[in-house]
């Protein structure tokens, strides 16, 4: 079953640390969102393989947007 990585807040993607095909473990760093000059790490919610990454550096996201899919 696919698990989604959701944006915890609105902001701009400052870094993408995963790519499709990567094997990941729960709590690995996945992305960084910058909001109000502060950076927030976004972590992988479960063990699995990255199916797709839906954002790139510079993209603006809203809270609860899907950033990536893990299966």
PDB file of N, CA and C in Angstrom:
ATOM      1  N   UNK A   1       0.849  -1.189   0.000  1.00  0.00           N
ATOM      2  CA  UNK A   1       0.000   0.000   0.000  1.00  0.00           C
ATOM      3  C   UNK A   1       0.892   1.249   0.000  1.00  0.00           C
ATOM      4  N   UNK A   2       0.539   2.219  -0.809  1.00  0.00           N
ATOM      5  CA  UNK A   2       1.344   3.442  -0.933  1.00  0.00           C
ATOM      6  C   UNK A   2       1.083   4.375   0.240  1.00  0.00           C
ATOM      7  N   UNK A   3       2.158   4.964   0.719  1.00  0.00           N
ATOM      8  CA  UNK A   3       2.095   5.944   1.807  1.00  0.00           C
ATOM      9  C   UNK A   3       2.546   7.276   1.228  1.00  0.00           C
ATOM     10  N   UNK A   4       1.881   8.367   1.605  1.00  0.00           N
ATOM     11  CA  UNK A   4       2.206   9.680   1.056  1.00  0.00           C
ATOM     12  C   UNK A   4       2.995  10.504   2.066  1.00  0.00           C
ATOM     13  N   UNK A   5       3.945  11.268   1.559  1.00  0.00           N
ATOM     14  CA  UNK A   5       4.627  12.271   2.385  1.00  0.00           C
ATOM     15  C   UNK A   5       3.890  13.581   2.128  1.00  0.00           C
ATOM     16  N   UNK A   6       3.319  14.150   3.196  1.00  0.00           N
ATOM     17  CA  UNK A   6       2.533  15.378   3.081  1.00  0.00           C
ATOM     18  C   UNK A   6       3.318  16.566   3.622  1.00  0.00           C
ATOM     19  N   UNK A   7       3.044  17.737   3.066  1.00  0.00           N
ATOM     20  CA  UNK A   7       3.675  18.966   3.550  1.00  0.00           C
ATOM     21  C   UNK A   7       3.089  19.325   4.916  1.00  0.00           C
ATOM     22  N   UNK A   8       3.939  19.496   5.934  1.00  0.00           N
ATOM     23  CA  UNK A   8       3.426  19.846   7.257  1.00  0.00           C
ATOM     24  C   UNK A   8       3.012  21.323   7.372  1.00  0.00           C
ATOM     25  N   UNK A   9       3.453  22.141   6.408  1.00  0.00           N
ATOM     26  CA  UNK A   9       3.129  23.562   6.411  1.00  0.00           C
ATOM     27  C   UNK A   9       3.295  24.110   5.006  1.00  0.00           C
ATOM     28  N   UNK A  10       2.763  25.308   4.790  1.00  0.00           N
ATOM     29  CA  UNK A  10       2.927  25.977   3.496  1.00  0.00           C
ATOM     30  C   UNK A  10       4.322  26.591   3.436  1.00  0.00           C
ATOM     31  N   UNK A  11       4.916  26.573   2.254  1.00  0.00           N
ATOM     32  CA  UNK A  11       6.238  27.168   2.085  1.00  0.00           C
ATOM     33  C   UNK A  11       6.815  26.819   0.733  1.00  0.00           C
ATOM     34  N   UNK A  12       8.150  26.921   0.640  1.00  0.00           N
ATOM     35  CA  UNK A  12       8.862  26.655  -0.611  1.00  0.00           C
ATOM     36  C   UNK A  12       9.802  25.479  -0.382  1.00  0.00           C
ATOM     37  N   UNK A  13       9.893  24.588  -1.359  1.00  0.00           N
ATOM     38  CA  UNK A  13      10.801  23.445  -1.253  1.00  0.00           C
ATOM     39  C   UNK A  13      12.233  23.959  -1.366  1.00  0.00           C
ATOM     40  N   UNK A  14      13.019  23.737  -0.293  1.00  0.00           N
ATOM     41  CA  UNK A  14      14.411  24.205  -0.258  1.00  0.00           C
ATOM     42  C   UNK A  14      15.386  23.096  -0.637  1.00  0.00           C
ATOM     43  N   UNK A  15      15.003  21.827  -0.411  1.00  0.00           N
ATOM     44  CA  UNK A  15      15.874  20.698  -0.745  1.00  0.00           C
ATOM     45  C   UNK A  15      15.035  19.441  -0.912  1.00  0.00           C
ATOM     46  N   UNK A  16      15.442  18.610  -1.867  1.00  0.00           N
ATOM     47  CA  UNK A  16      14.832  17.292  -2.066  1.00  0.00           C
ATOM     48  C   UNK A  16      15.951  16.280  -1.893  1.00  0.00           C
ATOM     49  N   UNK A  17      15.829  15.415  -0.879  1.00  0.00           N
ATOM     50  CA  UNK A  17      16.906  14.486  -0.527  1.00  0.00           C
ATOM     51  C   UNK A  17      16.629  13.054  -0.964  1.00  0.00           C
ATOM     52  N   UNK A  18      15.507  12.836  -1.637  1.00  0.00           N
ATOM     53  CA  UNK A  18      15.145  11.500  -2.116  1.00  0.00           C
ATOM     54  C   UNK A  18      14.826  11.574  -3.595  1.00  0.00           C
ATOM     55  N   UNK A  19      14.875  10.413  -4.269  1.00  0.00           N
ATOM     56  CA  UNK A  19      14.468  10.348  -5.676  1.00  0.00           C
ATOM     57  C   UNK A  19      13.768   9.017  -5.908  1.00  0.00           C
ATOM     58  N   UNK A  20      13.032   8.940  -6.993  1.00  0.00           N
ATOM     59  CA  UNK A  20      12.309   7.709  -7.332  1.00  0.00           C
ATOM     60  C   UNK A  20      13.277   6.539  -7.371  1.00  0.00           C
ATOM     61  N   UNK A  21      12.879   5.438  -6.746  1.00  0.00           N
ATOM     62  CA  UNK A  21      13.705   4.243  -6.723  1.00  0.00           C
ATOM     63  C   UNK A  21      14.546   4.084  -5.467  1.00  0.00           C
ATOM     64  N   UNK A  22      14.698   5.168  -4.700  1.00  0.00           N
ATOM     65  CA  UNK A  22      15.487   5.097  -3.457  1.00  0.00           C
ATOM     66  C   UNK A  22      14.808   4.188  -2.435  1.00  0.00           C
ATOM     67  N   UNK A  23      15.595   3.384  -1.747  1.00  0.00           N
ATOM     68  CA  UNK A  23      15.103   2.619  -0.598  1.00  0.00           C
ATOM     69  C   UNK A  23      15.229   3.547   0.614  1.00  0.00           C
ATOM     70  N   UNK A  24      14.150   3.689   1.376  1.00  0.00           N
ATOM     71  CA  UNK A  24      14.142   4.589   2.525  1.00  0.00           C
ATOM     72  C   UNK A  24      13.641   3.871   3.766  1.00  0.00           C
ATOM     73  N   UNK A  25      14.003   4.425   4.907  1.00  0.00           N
ATOM     74  CA  UNK A  25      13.541   3.906   6.190  1.00  0.00           C
ATOM     75  C   UNK A  25      12.767   4.996   6.916  1.00  0.00           C
ATOM     76  N   UNK A  26      11.861   4.571   7.787  1.00  0.00           N
ATOM     77  CA  UNK A  26      11.081   5.514   8.571  1.00  0.00           C
ATOM     78  C   UNK A  26      12.005   6.523   9.249  1.00  0.00           C
ATOM     79  N   UNK A  27      11.623   7.794   9.209  1.00  0.00           N
ATOM     80  CA  UNK A  27      12.339   8.918   9.813  1.00  0.00           C
ATOM     81  C   UNK A  27      13.591   9.360   9.061  1.00  0.00           C
ATOM     82  N   UNK A  28      13.860   8.812   7.860  1.00  0.00           N
ATOM     83  CA  UNK A  28      14.928   9.364   7.010  1.00  0.00           C
ATOM     84  C   UNK A  28      14.527  10.781   6.588  1.00  0.00           C
ATOM     85  N   UNK A  29      15.523  11.649   6.372  1.00  0.00           N
ATOM     86  CA  UNK A  29      15.250  12.981   5.820  1.00  0.00           C
ATOM     87  C   UNK A  29      14.775  12.823   4.384  1.00  0.00           C
ATOM     88  N   UNK A  30      13.682  13.496   4.037  1.00  0.00           N
ATOM     89  CA  UNK A  30      13.160  13.410   2.679  1.00  0.00           C
ATOM     90  C   UNK A  30      13.274  14.750   1.954  1.00  0.00           C
ATOM     91  N   UNK A  31      12.778  15.811   2.599  1.00  0.00           N
ATOM     92  CA  UNK A  31      12.748  17.125   1.978  1.00  0.00           C
ATOM     93  C   UNK A  31      12.946  18.196   3.039  1.00  0.00           C
ATOM     94  N   UNK A  32      13.185  19.419   2.569  1.00  0.00           N
ATOM     95  CA  UNK A  32      13.245  20.576   3.452  1.00  0.00           C
ATOM     96  C   UNK A  32      12.310  21.631   2.875  1.00  0.00           C
ATOM     97  N   UNK A  33      11.435  22.174   3.744  1.00  0.00           N
ATOM     98  CA  UNK A  33      10.538  23.261   3.350  1.00  0.00           C
ATOM     99  C   UNK A  33      10.973  24.521   4.081  1.00  0.00           C
ATOM    100  N   UNK A  34      11.069  25.616   3.337  1.00  0.00           N
ATOM    101  CA  UNK A  34      11.417  26.902   3.929  1.00  0.00           C
ATOM    102  C   UNK A  34      10.159  27.759   4.016  1.00  0.00           C
ATOM    103  N   UNK A  35       9.910  28.277   5.222  1.00  0.00           N
ATOM    104  CA  UNK A  35       8.772  29.172   5.428  1.00  0.00           C
ATOM    105  C   UNK A  35       9.191  30.231   6.438  1.00  0.00           C
ATOM    106  N   UNK A  36       8.967  31.480   6.121  1.00  0.00           N
ATOM    107  CA  UNK A  36       9.324  32.597   7.002  1.00  0.00           C
ATOM    108  C   UNK A  36      10.789  32.521   7.444  1.00  0.00           C
ATOM    109  N   UNK A  37      11.685  32.224   6.500  1.00  0.00           N
ATOM    110  CA  UNK A  37      13.139  32.150   6.709  1.00  0.00           C
ATOM    111  C   UNK A  37      13.558  31.044   7.681  1.00  0.00           C
ATOM    112  N   UNK A  38      12.655  30.102   7.952  1.00  0.00           N
ATOM    113  CA  UNK A  38      12.998  28.948   8.785  1.00  0.00           C
ATOM    114  C   UNK A  38      12.870  27.690   7.943  1.00  0.00           C
ATOM    115  N   UNK A  39      13.782  26.751   8.148  1.00  0.00           N
ATOM    116  CA  UNK A  39      13.738  25.496   7.398  1.00  0.00           C
ATOM    117  C   UNK A  39      13.152  24.390   8.267  1.00  0.00           C
ATOM    118  N   UNK A  40      12.233  23.626   7.680  1.00  0.00           N
ATOM    119  CA  UNK A  40      11.602  22.514   8.373  1.00  0.00           C
ATOM    120  C   UNK A  40      11.913  21.225   7.628  1.00  0.00           C
ATOM    121  N   UNK A  41      12.506  20.258   8.336  1.00  0.00           N
ATOM    122  CA  UNK A  41      12.788  18.946   7.745  1.00  0.00           C
ATOM    123  C   UNK A  41      11.481  18.159   7.627  1.00  0.00           C
ATOM    124  N   UNK A  42      11.340  17.448   6.530  1.00  0.00           N
ATOM    125  CA  UNK A  42      10.195  16.556   6.337  1.00  0.00           C
ATOM    126  C   UNK A  42      10.763  15.136   6.271  1.00  0.00           C
ATOM    127  N   UNK A  43      10.196  14.244   7.074  1.00  0.00           N
ATOM    128  CA  UNK A  43      10.734  12.897   7.218  1.00  0.00           C
ATOM    129  C   UNK A  43       9.867  11.848   6.530  1.00  0.00           C
ATOM    130  N   UNK A  44      10.483  10.722   6.202  1.00  0.00           N
ATOM    131  CA  UNK A  44       9.786   9.584   5.590  1.00  0.00           C
ATOM    132  C   UNK A  44       8.908   8.918   6.662  1.00  0.00           C
ATOM    133  N   UNK A  45       7.621   8.657   6.366  1.00  0.00           N
ATOM    134  CA  UNK A  45       6.716   8.101   7.378  1.00  0.00           C
ATOM    135  C   UNK A  45       6.817   6.585   7.575  1.00  0.00           C
ATOM    136  N   UNK A  46       7.482   5.881   6.653  1.00  0.00           N
ATOM    137  CA  UNK A  46       7.524   4.415   6.749  1.00  0.00           C
ATOM    138  C   UNK A  46       8.692   3.867   5.928  1.00  0.00           C
ATOM    139  N   UNK A  47       9.056   2.606   6.179  1.00  0.00           N
ATOM    140  CA  UNK A  47      10.065   1.937   5.355  1.00  0.00           C
ATOM    141  C   UNK A  47       9.470   1.651   3.978  1.00  0.00           C
ATOM    142  N   UNK A  48      10.299   1.678   2.940  1.00  0.00           N
ATOM    143  CA  UNK A  48       9.815   1.328   1.611  1.00  0.00           C
ATOM    144  C   UNK A  48      10.718   1.859   0.516  1.00  0.00           C
ATOM    145  N   UNK A  49      10.128   1.977  -0.667  1.00  0.00           N
ATOM    146  CA  UNK A  49      10.831   2.479  -1.841  1.00  0.00           C
ATOM    147  C   UNK A  49      10.080   3.709  -2.345  1.00  0.00           C
ATOM    148  N   UNK A  50      10.825   4.744  -2.716  1.00  0.00           N
ATOM    149  CA  UNK A  50      10.210   5.960  -3.237  1.00  0.00           C
ATOM    150  C   UNK A  50       9.632   5.651  -4.618  1.00  0.00           C
ATOM    151  N   UNK A  51       8.315   5.775  -4.747  1.00  0.00           N
ATOM    152  CA  UNK A  51       7.652   5.536  -6.038  1.00  0.00           C
ATOM    153  C   UNK A  51       7.784   6.766  -6.925  1.00  0.00           C
ATOM    154  N   UNK A  52       7.486   7.941  -6.353  1.00  0.00           N
ATOM    155  CA  UNK A  52       7.641   9.183  -7.121  1.00  0.00           C
ATOM    156  C   UNK A  52       7.780  10.369  -6.186  1.00  0.00           C
ATOM    157  N   UNK A  53       8.498  11.373  -6.670  1.00  0.00           N
ATOM    158  CA  UNK A  53       8.640  12.645  -5.967  1.00  0.00           C
ATOM    159  C   UNK A  53       7.888  13.666  -6.807  1.00  0.00           C
ATOM    160  N   UNK A  54       6.935  14.356  -6.199  1.00  0.00           N
ATOM    161  CA  UNK A  54       6.025  15.226  -6.944  1.00  0.00           C
ATOM    162  C   UNK A  54       6.425  16.696  -6.924  1.00  0.00           C
ATOM    163  N   UNK A  55       7.534  17.029  -6.250  1.00  0.00           N
ATOM    164  CA  UNK A  55       7.971  18.428  -6.166  1.00  0.00           C
ATOM    165  C   UNK A  55       9.455  18.528  -6.488  1.00  0.00           C
ATOM    166  N   UNK A  56       9.892  19.754  -6.762  1.00  0.00           N
ATOM    167  CA  UNK A  56      11.318  20.025  -6.985  1.00  0.00           C
ATOM    168  C   UNK A  56      11.688  21.289  -6.227  1.00  0.00           C
ATOM    169  N   UNK A  57      12.976  21.527  -6.087  1.00  0.00           N
ATOM    170  CA  UNK A  57      13.454  22.714  -5.376  1.00  0.00           C
ATOM    171  C   UNK A  57      12.845  23.962  -6.021  1.00  0.00           C
ATOM    172  N   UNK A  58      12.327  24.837  -5.171  1.00  0.00           N
ATOM    173  CA  UNK A  58      11.724  26.088  -5.645  1.00  0.00           C
ATOM    174  C   UNK A  58      10.215  26.048  -5.740  1.00  0.00           C
ATOM    175  N   UNK A  59       9.629  24.846  -5.749  1.00  0.00           N
ATOM    176  CA  UNK A  59       8.166  24.741  -5.817  1.00  0.00           C
ATOM    177  C   UNK A  59       7.535  25.295  -4.549  1.00  0.00           C
ATOM    178  N   UNK A  60       6.400  25.975  -4.705  1.00  0.00           N
ATOM    179  CA  UNK A  60       5.623  26.426  -3.554  1.00  0.00           C
ATOM    180  C   UNK A  60       4.590  25.356  -3.244  1.00  0.00           C
ATOM    181  N   UNK A  61       4.427  25.053  -1.956  1.00  0.00           N
ATOM    182  CA  UNK A  61       3.472  24.030  -1.537  1.00  0.00           C
ATOM    183  C   UNK A  61       2.576  24.582  -0.444  1.00  0.00           C
ATOM    184  N   UNK A  62       1.410  23.988  -0.326  1.00  0.00           N
ATOM    185  CA  UNK A  62       0.468  24.320   0.734  1.00  0.00           C
ATOM    186  C   UNK A  62       0.449  23.182   1.738  1.00  0.00           C
ATOM    187  N   UNK A  63      -0.011  23.460   2.946  1.00  0.00           N
ATOM    188  CA  UNK A  63      -0.123  22.429   3.971  1.00  0.00           C
ATOM    189  C   UNK A  63      -0.938  21.254   3.444  1.00  0.00           C
ATOM    190  N   UNK A  64      -0.475  20.046   3.694  1.00  0.00           N
ATOM    191  CA  UNK A  64      -1.109  18.783   3.305  1.00  0.00           C
ATOM    192  C   UNK A  64      -0.998  18.443   1.816  1.00  0.00           C
ATOM    193  N   UNK A  65      -0.243  19.228   1.034  1.00  0.00           N
ATOM    194  CA  UNK A  65       0.040  18.819  -0.344  1.00  0.00           C
ATOM    195  C   UNK A  65       0.851  17.526  -0.311  1.00  0.00           C
ATOM    196  N   UNK A  66       0.630  16.663  -1.305  1.00  0.00           N
ATOM    197  CA  UNK A  66       1.415  15.423  -1.406  1.00  0.00           C
ATOM    198  C   UNK A  66       2.755  15.771  -2.040  1.00  0.00           C
ATOM    199  N   UNK A  67       3.847  15.435  -1.336  1.00  0.00           N
ATOM    200  CA  UNK A  67       5.198  15.752  -1.822  1.00  0.00           C
ATOM    201  C   UNK A  67       5.841  14.556  -2.510  1.00  0.00           C
ATOM    202  N   UNK A  68       5.560  13.360  -1.994  1.00  0.00           N
ATOM    203  CA  UNK A  68       6.156  12.142  -2.547  1.00  0.00           C
ATOM    204  C   UNK A  68       5.303  10.937  -2.134  1.00  0.00           C
ATOM    205  N   UNK A  69       5.508   9.834  -2.852  1.00  0.00           N
ATOM    206  CA  UNK A  69       4.774   8.594  -2.568  1.00  0.00           C
ATOM    207  C   UNK A  69       5.788   7.492  -2.300  1.00  0.00           C
ATOM    208  N   UNK A  70       5.575   6.760  -1.191  1.00  0.00           N
ATOM    209  CA  UNK A  70       6.430   5.639  -0.786  1.00  0.00           C
ATOM    210  C   UNK A  70       5.607   4.355  -0.893  1.00  0.00           C
ATOM    211  N   UNK A  71       6.194   3.301  -1.435  1.00  0.00           N
ATOM    212  CA  UNK A  71       5.458   2.024  -1.462  1.00  0.00           C
ATOM    213  C   UNK A  71       6.311   0.906  -0.944  1.00  0.00           C
TER     214      UNK A  71
END
